[in-house]
């Protein structure tokens, strides 16, 4: 369970690279604990956790962010056409990221789909089937609708039992609230996620009572999800559940 808007609780999302954000959430569960009297009672356990989510941005913006983060060879991406080698590298770097990503059509927000990946040829070579018999080139078709698309870029594929459809990257947007699976994170991104999910122990452990404190002598960091201790100024009492009595 994750917060849609963490600003209400001063738990704002932390921006990551390549159009991703680290979002705060919680894990909850029930454990049985033993009281000082020896009784066993159920207790609610809540652990804070964080995870990376895709930003809801135009797909073209994500493409630029990923490629510009991949080396200087992409610095002219916005102006220079892709040669054959760069085209294949474009598909290689982004195909797995886009596959199974839910996308919205920018002009039709209620029409979303799970992408099947990227095409193996540029949009300049793709033909669209319009109606029953008409087949038209993709680039001129969208130009007539006032949409400029890159003829050297691949298109997004949607494979169904009926047919394979193609959509230009420029007309799509990443649907909101999609968690980034581990398989779509590079080692450096996982490192950034872990780094953003730790908290210094001296910021976690608070004074146990007036006049005394309990932070460790040397501050260190541990993953937030593995540090569940929170010292309080007041003592909490666990009240065991008892069955209601029948009125006489």
Protein backbone atom coordinates (compact mmCIF):
# COMPACT_ATOMS: atom_id res chain seq x y z
CA UNK A 1 0.00 0.00 0.00
CA UNK A 2 1.50 3.31 -1.12
CA UNK A 3 0.57 6.97 -0.74
CA UNK A 4 -0.88 8.66 -3.81
CA UNK A 5 -0.11 12.09 -2.34
CA UNK A 6 2.53 11.92 0.37
CA UNK A 7 2.68 15.71 0.80
CA UNK A 8 -0.27 15.54 3.20
CA UNK A 9 1.91 13.56 5.61
CA UNK A 10 5.24 15.26 4.81
CA UNK A 11 6.30 12.13 2.91
CA UNK A 12 6.88 13.64 -0.51
CA UNK A 13 8.10 11.42 -3.31
CA UNK A 14 11.82 11.51 -4.03
CA UNK A 15 12.66 12.04 -7.74
CA UNK A 16 14.92 9.41 -9.30
CA UNK A 17 16.54 9.28 -12.72
CA UNK A 18 14.76 8.32 -15.96
CA UNK A 19 11.30 9.64 -14.98
CA UNK A 20 10.85 7.60 -11.82
CA UNK A 21 9.94 8.59 -8.27
CA UNK A 22 10.55 6.89 -4.92
CA UNK A 23 7.19 6.65 -3.14
CA UNK A 24 6.51 5.90 0.54
CA UNK A 25 4.14 3.15 1.65
CA UNK A 26 3.58 0.60 4.41
CA UNK A 27 3.48 -3.14 4.95
CA UNK A 28 1.01 -4.37 7.53
CA UNK A 29 0.48 -7.67 9.25
CA UNK A 30 -0.47 -9.46 12.46
CA UNK A 31 1.97 -11.09 14.85
CA UNK A 32 1.44 -12.79 18.17
CA UNK A 33 3.51 -11.32 20.99
CA UNK A 34 4.06 -12.29 24.59
CA UNK A 35 3.23 -9.83 27.36
CA UNK A 36 5.24 -9.54 30.56
CA UNK A 37 2.53 -11.60 32.27
CA UNK A 38 3.09 -14.47 29.84
CA UNK A 39 -0.17 -13.94 27.92
CA UNK A 40 -0.03 -14.28 24.12
CA UNK A 41 -1.92 -11.52 22.31
CA UNK A 42 -2.21 -10.41 18.65
CA UNK A 43 -0.44 -7.20 17.63
CA UNK A 44 -0.70 -5.08 14.50
CA UNK A 45 2.71 -4.62 12.84
CA UNK A 46 3.24 -1.73 10.43
CA UNK A 47 6.56 -1.31 8.61
CA UNK A 48 7.45 1.71 6.50
CA UNK A 49 8.73 0.91 3.01
CA UNK A 50 9.58 2.67 -0.23
CA UNK A 51 9.43 1.66 -3.88
CA UNK A 52 10.08 3.22 -7.28
CA UNK A 53 7.15 4.20 -9.50
CA UNK A 54 7.07 5.39 -13.10
CA UNK A 55 6.22 9.07 -13.52
CA UNK A 56 3.05 9.77 -15.49
CA UNK A 57 4.76 11.68 -18.31
CA UNK A 58 4.65 11.64 -22.12
CA UNK A 59 6.38 8.49 -23.32
CA UNK A 60 8.71 10.59 -25.50
CA UNK A 61 9.93 12.37 -22.35
CA UNK A 62 10.79 9.03 -20.76
CA UNK A 63 12.58 7.96 -23.94
CA UNK A 64 14.74 11.09 -23.90
CA UNK A 65 15.48 10.67 -20.19
CA UNK A 66 16.59 7.04 -20.54
CA UNK A 67 18.74 7.57 -23.63
CA UNK A 68 20.33 10.84 -22.50
CA UNK A 69 21.37 8.99 -19.34
CA UNK A 70 23.05 6.28 -21.45
CA UNK A 71 26.04 8.17 -22.82
CA UNK A 72 27.23 11.04 -24.99
CA UNK A 73 26.29 9.26 -28.23
CA UNK A 74 22.68 10.34 -27.59
CA UNK A 75 23.38 14.04 -27.02
CA UNK A 76 22.01 14.92 -30.49
CA UNK A 77 18.94 12.71 -30.13
CA UNK A 78 16.50 15.60 -30.58
CA UNK A 79 18.02 16.77 -33.88
CA UNK A 80 20.08 14.06 -35.58
CA UNK A 81 18.29 11.12 -37.26
CA UNK A 82 19.09 7.64 -36.03
CA UNK A 83 21.33 5.49 -38.18
CA UNK A 84 20.80 1.72 -38.29
CA UNK A 85 23.10 1.01 -35.35
CA UNK A 86 21.54 3.65 -33.11
CA UNK A 87 18.05 2.48 -34.09
CA UNK A 88 18.80 -1.08 -32.94
CA UNK A 89 20.39 0.23 -29.74
CA UNK A 90 17.31 2.43 -29.17
CA UNK A 91 15.09 -0.66 -29.37
CA UNK A 92 17.47 -2.72 -27.23
CA UNK A 93 17.56 -0.16 -24.40
CA UNK A 94 13.85 0.64 -24.30
CA UNK A 95 12.02 -2.48 -25.46
CA UNK A 96 12.04 -4.24 -22.07
CA UNK A 97 11.15 -1.02 -20.24
CA UNK A 98 8.13 -0.36 -22.45
CA UNK A 99 6.93 -3.97 -22.64
CA UNK A 100 4.00 -4.54 -20.23
CA UNK A 101 3.91 -0.82 -19.40
CA UNK A 102 0.38 0.61 -19.37
CA UNK A 103 0.10 3.56 -21.74
CA UNK A 104 -2.61 6.13 -22.42
CA UNK A 105 -3.34 7.74 -25.76
CA UNK A 106 -2.72 11.47 -25.23
CA UNK A 107 -5.88 12.49 -27.10
CA UNK A 108 -8.04 9.71 -25.62
CA UNK A 109 -7.31 9.44 -21.91
CA UNK A 110 -9.82 6.62 -21.39
CA UNK A 111 -8.06 4.41 -23.93
CA UNK A 112 -5.14 2.61 -22.33
CA UNK A 113 -3.35 -0.62 -23.13
CA UNK A 114 -0.41 -2.76 -22.07
CA UNK A 115 2.37 -2.32 -24.60
CA UNK A 116 3.87 -5.41 -26.21
CA UNK A 117 7.18 -3.68 -26.92
CA UNK A 118 8.72 -1.71 -29.79
CA UNK A 119 8.65 -2.34 -33.52
CA UNK A 120 11.70 -3.75 -35.29
CA UNK A 121 11.48 -1.10 -38.01
CA UNK A 122 11.09 2.70 -37.97
CA UNK A 123 7.75 4.46 -38.41
CA UNK A 124 8.77 5.50 -41.95
CA UNK A 125 8.46 1.84 -42.96
CA UNK A 126 5.23 1.06 -41.12
CA UNK A 127 1.86 0.91 -42.89
CA UNK A 128 -1.44 1.27 -41.07
CA UNK A 129 -4.62 -0.50 -42.02
CA UNK A 130 -7.48 2.01 -42.05
CA UNK A 131 -10.96 0.61 -42.39
CA UNK A 132 -11.38 -2.68 -44.23
CA UNK A 133 -9.05 -2.29 -47.18
CA UNK A 134 -7.12 1.00 -47.02
CA UNK A 135 -3.43 0.81 -46.09
CA UNK A 136 -1.56 4.09 -45.54
CA UNK A 137 1.97 5.04 -44.41
CA UNK A 138 2.12 5.93 -40.71
CA UNK A 139 4.07 9.20 -40.94
CA UNK A 140 1.82 10.97 -43.54
CA UNK A 141 -1.29 9.65 -41.78
CA UNK A 142 -0.39 11.39 -38.52
CA UNK A 143 0.90 14.49 -40.30
CA UNK A 144 -2.56 14.96 -41.80
CA UNK A 145 -3.91 14.97 -38.24
CA UNK A 146 -1.41 17.62 -37.18
CA UNK A 147 0.90 15.25 -35.29
CA UNK A 148 4.61 15.33 -36.11
CA UNK A 149 6.34 12.02 -35.44
CA UNK A 150 9.92 10.90 -35.87
CA UNK A 151 10.24 8.78 -39.05
CA UNK A 152 13.48 7.26 -37.70
CA UNK A 153 12.05 6.13 -34.35
CA UNK A 154 10.34 2.78 -33.69
CA UNK A 155 6.64 2.58 -32.88
CA UNK A 156 4.98 0.95 -29.88
CA UNK A 157 3.44 -2.44 -30.64
CA UNK A 158 0.14 -3.78 -29.31
CA UNK A 159 -0.24 -7.48 -30.10
CA UNK A 160 -3.69 -9.03 -29.70
CA UNK A 161 -5.33 -12.22 -30.93
CA UNK A 162 -6.88 -10.25 -33.78
CA UNK A 163 -3.92 -8.22 -35.08
CA UNK A 164 -0.83 -6.16 -34.31
CA UNK A 165 -1.36 -2.41 -33.95
CA UNK A 166 1.28 0.33 -33.99
CA UNK A 167 1.31 3.69 -32.20
CA UNK A 168 3.87 6.49 -32.49
CA UNK A 169 5.76 7.17 -29.27
CA UNK A 170 4.77 10.86 -29.53
CA UNK A 171 1.03 10.19 -29.03
CA UNK A 172 1.37 8.08 -25.86
CA UNK A 173 1.68 8.83 -22.16
CA UNK A 174 2.67 6.61 -19.22
CA UNK A 175 -0.38 5.72 -17.13
CA UNK A 176 -0.13 6.77 -13.45
CA UNK A 177 0.58 4.65 -10.37
CA UNK A 178 2.73 1.93 -11.96
CA UNK A 179 5.38 0.38 -9.76
CA UNK A 180 8.76 -0.28 -11.35
CA UNK A 181 9.51 -4.03 -11.19
CA UNK A 182 13.00 -5.15 -10.22
CA UNK A 183 13.49 -6.55 -13.73
CA UNK A 184 13.24 -3.00 -15.13
CA UNK A 185 15.80 -1.48 -12.76
CA UNK A 186 19.49 -1.20 -13.53
CA UNK A 187 22.05 -1.78 -10.74
CA UNK A 188 22.60 1.98 -10.45
CA UNK A 189 18.84 2.60 -10.14
CA UNK A 190 18.53 -0.07 -7.46
CA UNK A 191 21.43 1.56 -5.63
CA UNK A 192 19.62 4.93 -5.76
CA UNK A 193 16.42 3.29 -4.50
CA UNK A 194 18.20 1.67 -1.55
CA UNK A 195 20.04 4.90 -0.78
CA UNK A 196 16.74 6.79 -0.69
CA UNK A 197 15.15 4.17 1.57
CA UNK A 198 17.56 4.35 4.50
CA UNK A 199 17.29 6.47 7.61
CA UNK A 200 19.92 7.29 10.19
CA UNK A 201 19.27 5.44 13.44
CA UNK A 202 19.78 8.63 15.46
CA UNK A 203 16.81 10.09 13.55
CA UNK A 204 14.67 7.02 14.25
CA UNK A 205 15.28 6.36 17.94
CA UNK A 206 13.79 9.12 20.11
CA UNK A 207 14.16 9.86 23.85
CA UNK A 208 12.51 7.13 25.91
CA UNK A 209 11.63 9.45 28.77
CA UNK A 210 12.27 12.98 29.92
CA UNK A 211 15.95 13.64 30.50
CA UNK A 212 17.30 10.44 28.91
CA UNK A 213 18.02 9.53 25.34
CA UNK A 214 18.73 6.26 23.59
CA UNK A 215 20.37 6.87 20.21
CA UNK A 216 23.46 4.75 19.52
CA UNK A 217 26.88 6.29 20.07
CA UNK A 218 27.73 6.28 16.36
CA UNK A 219 25.03 7.07 13.82
CA UNK A 220 24.74 4.57 10.99
CA UNK A 221 22.14 3.76 8.38
CA UNK A 222 20.09 0.64 7.87
CA UNK A 223 17.30 -0.10 5.39
CA UNK A 224 14.14 1.54 6.62
CA UNK A 225 12.14 -1.63 6.11
CA UNK A 226 14.39 -3.64 8.46
CA UNK A 227 14.42 -1.13 11.36
CA UNK A 228 11.11 -1.42 13.16
CA UNK A 229 12.04 -0.01 16.60
CA UNK A 230 10.51 3.33 17.58
CA UNK A 231 11.17 4.52 21.13
CA UNK A 232 8.37 6.54 22.70
CA UNK A 233 8.07 8.87 25.68
CA UNK A 234 4.97 7.06 26.90
CA UNK A 235 4.44 3.40 27.69
CA UNK A 236 1.91 1.55 25.55
CA UNK A 237 -0.28 -1.06 27.19
CA UNK A 238 -1.45 -4.09 25.20
CA UNK A 239 -5.02 -4.90 26.13
CA UNK A 240 -5.94 -8.56 25.45
CA UNK A 241 -9.17 -9.31 23.64
CA UNK A 242 -11.95 -10.79 25.73
CA UNK A 243 -15.20 -12.32 24.56
CA UNK A 244 -18.37 -10.36 25.39
CA UNK A 245 -20.31 -11.71 28.34
CA UNK A 246 -23.90 -12.81 27.93
CA UNK A 247 -26.36 -10.70 29.86
CA UNK A 248 -28.44 -12.64 32.36
